[in-house]
Amino acid sequence: MKGERGGGRSVEALALREGEGALLLPIRVRARAGREGVEGIHGDRLLVAVREAPERGRANEAVLALLADRIGVSRRGCALIRGEASRDKLVRIEGLLLEEGRRRLRRALEGGA
């Protein structure tokens, strides 16, 4: 599938979970990237690149805004629940369940809005 890394892994390789009306999405962040976007899959995590530096939460905010835009949810519905100072993070996306989340992530990986 276009945009994926790691041997052609599909969205099904992601360690997605559902919890209390939200999608729990594990991600790996590449800060200070030349281009922003959903780049593919790294292990069982979504690989997300942002231009912001990992200083004073700027990269974290950029990641949440980018995910909200690419997945088609409100920014307020996205929250970082683990990994504030790490490249590996866990994001909670309110109101999005597993199957719909997979569908939207496939579209994001293919470059769709």
C-alpha atoms as a PDB file:
ATOM      1  CA  MET A   1       0.000   0.000   0.000  1.00  0.00           C
ATOM      2  CA  LYS A   2       1.297   3.446  -0.857  1.00  0.00           C
ATOM      3  CA  GLY A   3       3.027   5.358   1.930  1.00  0.00           C
ATOM      4  CA  GLU A   4       3.742   2.365   4.135  1.00  0.00           C
ATOM      5  CA  ARG A   5       7.132   1.310   5.447  1.00  0.00           C
ATOM      6  CA  GLY A   6       8.251  -1.905   6.978  1.00  0.00           C
ATOM      7  CA  GLY A   7       7.651  -4.537   4.338  1.00  0.00           C
ATOM      8  CA  GLY A   8       4.262  -3.432   3.042  1.00  0.00           C
ATOM      9  CA  ARG A   9       2.499  -3.530   6.372  1.00  0.00           C
ATOM     10  CA  SER A  10      -1.180  -2.717   6.359  1.00  0.00           C
ATOM     11  CA  VAL A  11      -3.339  -0.786   8.781  1.00  0.00           C
ATOM     12  CA  GLU A  12      -4.200  -4.122  10.381  1.00  0.00           C
ATOM     13  CA  ALA A  13      -0.575  -4.274  11.663  1.00  0.00           C
ATOM     14  CA  LEU A  14      -1.227  -1.243  13.885  1.00  0.00           C
ATOM     15  CA  ALA A  15      -1.814  -1.944  17.573  1.00  0.00           C
ATOM     16  CA  LEU A  16      -5.117  -0.050  17.550  1.00  0.00           C
ATOM     17  CA  ARG A  17      -7.484  -0.434  20.476  1.00  0.00           C
ATOM     18  CA  GLU A  18     -10.904   0.811  21.397  1.00  0.00           C
ATOM     19  CA  GLY A  19     -11.622   2.195  24.820  1.00  0.00           C
ATOM     20  CA  GLU A  20     -14.604   4.046  26.274  1.00  0.00           C
ATOM     21  CA  GLY A  21     -15.875   5.424  22.971  1.00  0.00           C
ATOM     22  CA  ALA A  22     -12.447   6.332  21.614  1.00  0.00           C
ATOM     23  CA  LEU A  23      -9.731   4.957  19.386  1.00  0.00           C
ATOM     24  CA  LEU A  24      -6.328   4.469  21.005  1.00  0.00           C
ATOM     25  CA  LEU A  25      -3.681   4.981  18.341  1.00  0.00           C
ATOM     26  CA  PRO A  26       0.012   4.207  18.928  1.00  0.00           C
ATOM     27  CA  ILE A  27       2.292   6.469  16.894  1.00  0.00           C
ATOM     28  CA  ARG A  28       5.981   7.126  16.309  1.00  0.00           C
ATOM     29  CA  VAL A  29       6.875  10.768  15.681  1.00  0.00           C
ATOM     30  CA  ARG A  30       9.601  12.118  13.458  1.00  0.00           C
ATOM     31  CA  ALA A  31      10.102  15.734  14.553  1.00  0.00           C
ATOM     32  CA  ARG A  32      12.004  18.382  12.578  1.00  0.00           C
ATOM     33  CA  ALA A  33      11.030  16.606   9.358  1.00  0.00           C
ATOM     34  CA  GLY A  34      11.363  18.261   5.975  1.00  0.00           C
ATOM     35  CA  ARG A  35       7.762  17.388   5.125  1.00  0.00           C
ATOM     36  CA  GLU A  36       4.762  16.815   7.358  1.00  0.00           C
ATOM     37  CA  GLY A  37       2.435  13.908   6.967  1.00  0.00           C
ATOM     38  CA  VAL A  38       1.397  10.383   7.768  1.00  0.00           C
ATOM     39  CA  GLU A  39       4.408   8.521   6.388  1.00  0.00           C
ATOM     40  CA  GLY A  40       3.572   4.888   6.943  1.00  0.00           C
ATOM     41  CA  ILE A  41       3.789   2.185   9.554  1.00  0.00           C
ATOM     42  CA  HIS A  42       6.756   1.573  11.836  1.00  0.00           C
ATOM     43  CA  GLY A  43       6.358  -1.782  13.589  1.00  0.00           C
ATOM     44  CA  ASP A  44       2.873  -1.602  15.090  1.00  0.00           C
ATOM     45  CA  ARG A  45       2.754   2.214  15.165  1.00  0.00           C
ATOM     46  CA  LEU A  46       1.645   4.889  12.730  1.00  0.00           C
ATOM     47  CA  LEU A  47       4.638   6.967  11.594  1.00  0.00           C
ATOM     48  CA  VAL A  48       3.874  10.696  11.678  1.00  0.00           C
ATOM     49  CA  ALA A  49       6.282  13.452  10.606  1.00  0.00           C
ATOM     50  CA  VAL A  50       6.049  17.094  11.699  1.00  0.00           C
ATOM     51  CA  ARG A  51       8.271  20.112  11.078  1.00  0.00           C
ATOM     52  CA  GLU A  52       8.159  21.359  14.663  1.00  0.00           C
ATOM     53  CA  ALA A  53      11.010  20.734  17.083  1.00  0.00           C
ATOM     54  CA  PRO A  54      10.379  18.541  20.127  1.00  0.00           C
ATOM     55  CA  GLU A  55      10.636  21.527  22.466  1.00  0.00           C
ATOM     56  CA  ARG A  56       8.043  22.873  24.910  1.00  0.00           C
ATOM     57  CA  GLY A  57       5.356  20.589  23.472  1.00  0.00           C
ATOM     58  CA  ARG A  58       5.436  22.135  20.002  1.00  0.00           C
ATOM     59  CA  ALA A  59       5.929  18.832  18.173  1.00  0.00           C
ATOM     60  CA  ASN A  60       3.195  17.168  20.259  1.00  0.00           C
ATOM     61  CA  GLU A  61       0.725  19.917  19.381  1.00  0.00           C
ATOM     62  CA  ALA A  62       1.672  19.696  15.706  1.00  0.00           C
ATOM     63  CA  VAL A  63       1.165  15.916  15.753  1.00  0.00           C
ATOM     64  CA  LEU A  64      -2.313  16.201  17.258  1.00  0.00           C
ATOM     65  CA  ALA A  65      -3.337  18.909  14.783  1.00  0.00           C
ATOM     66  CA  LEU A  66      -1.992  16.886  11.844  1.00  0.00           C
ATOM     67  CA  LEU A  67      -3.741  13.693  12.951  1.00  0.00           C
ATOM     68  CA  ALA A  68      -7.038  15.515  13.465  1.00  0.00           C
ATOM     69  CA  ASP A  69      -6.802  16.987   9.984  1.00  0.00           C
ATOM     70  CA  ARG A  70      -5.762  13.778   8.204  1.00  0.00           C
ATOM     71  CA  ILE A  71      -8.228  11.544  10.037  1.00  0.00           C
ATOM     72  CA  GLY A  72     -11.085  14.028   9.813  1.00  0.00           C
ATOM     73  CA  VAL A  73     -11.862  14.685  13.471  1.00  0.00           C
ATOM     74  CA  SER A  74     -11.831  17.829  15.576  1.00  0.00           C
ATOM     75  CA  ARG A  75      -8.547  18.822  17.190  1.00  0.00           C
ATOM     76  CA  ARG A  76     -10.330  18.877  20.571  1.00  0.00           C
ATOM     77  CA  GLY A  77     -11.123  15.196  20.089  1.00  0.00           C
ATOM     78  CA  CYS A  78      -7.432  14.238  19.990  1.00  0.00           C
ATOM     79  CA  ALA A  79      -5.377  13.926  23.160  1.00  0.00           C
ATOM     80  CA  LEU A  80      -1.935  12.655  23.995  1.00  0.00           C
ATOM     81  CA  ILE A  81      -2.264  10.116  26.792  1.00  0.00           C
ATOM     82  CA  ARG A  82       1.232   8.666  26.898  1.00  0.00           C
ATOM     83  CA  GLY A  83       4.714   9.527  25.630  1.00  0.00           C
ATOM     84  CA  GLU A  84       4.886  13.292  26.017  1.00  0.00           C
ATOM     85  CA  ALA A  85       8.724  13.307  25.911  1.00  0.00           C
ATOM     86  CA  SER A  86       9.164  10.221  23.708  1.00  0.00           C
ATOM     87  CA  ARG A  87       9.041   9.509  19.970  1.00  0.00           C
ATOM     88  CA  ASP A  88       6.590   6.699  20.765  1.00  0.00           C
ATOM     89  CA  LYS A  89       3.223   8.044  21.868  1.00  0.00           C
ATOM     90  CA  LEU A  90      -0.342   6.936  22.458  1.00  0.00           C
ATOM     91  CA  VAL A  91      -3.112   9.191  21.149  1.00  0.00           C
ATOM     92  CA  ARG A  92      -6.779   9.033  22.132  1.00  0.00           C
ATOM     93  CA  ILE A  93      -9.222   9.985  19.382  1.00  0.00           C
ATOM     94  CA  GLU A  94     -12.623  10.633  20.914  1.00  0.00           C
ATOM     95  CA  GLY A  95     -15.733   9.341  19.145  1.00  0.00           C
ATOM     96  CA  LEU A  96     -13.867   7.158  16.659  1.00  0.00           C
ATOM     97  CA  LEU A  97     -14.232   3.403  16.893  1.00  0.00           C
ATOM     98  CA  LEU A  98     -11.971   0.657  15.593  1.00  0.00           C
ATOM     99  CA  GLU A  99     -13.368  -0.126  12.135  1.00  0.00           C
ATOM    100  CA  GLU A 100     -14.025   3.501  11.207  1.00  0.00           C
ATOM    101  CA  GLY A 101     -10.574   4.373  12.513  1.00  0.00           C
ATOM    102  CA  ARG A 102      -8.969   1.743  10.286  1.00  0.00           C
ATOM    103  CA  ARG A 103     -10.872   3.054   7.270  1.00  0.00           C
ATOM    104  CA  ARG A 104      -9.761   6.643   7.906  1.00  0.00           C
ATOM    105  CA  LEU A 105      -6.163   5.602   8.557  1.00  0.00           C
ATOM    106  CA  ARG A 106      -6.074   3.702   5.254  1.00  0.00           C
ATOM    107  CA  ARG A 107      -7.258   6.859   3.502  1.00  0.00           C
ATOM    108  CA  ALA A 108      -4.632   8.971   5.336  1.00  0.00           C
ATOM    109  CA  LEU A 109      -1.882   6.559   4.296  1.00  0.00           C
ATOM    110  CA  GLU A 110      -3.023   6.751   0.692  1.00  0.00           C
ATOM    111  CA  GLY A 111      -2.745  10.539   0.820  1.00  0.00           C
ATOM    112  CA  GLY A 112      -6.474  11.277   0.940  1.00  0.00           C
ATOM    113  CA  ALA A 113      -8.053  13.947   3.094  1.00  0.00           C
END
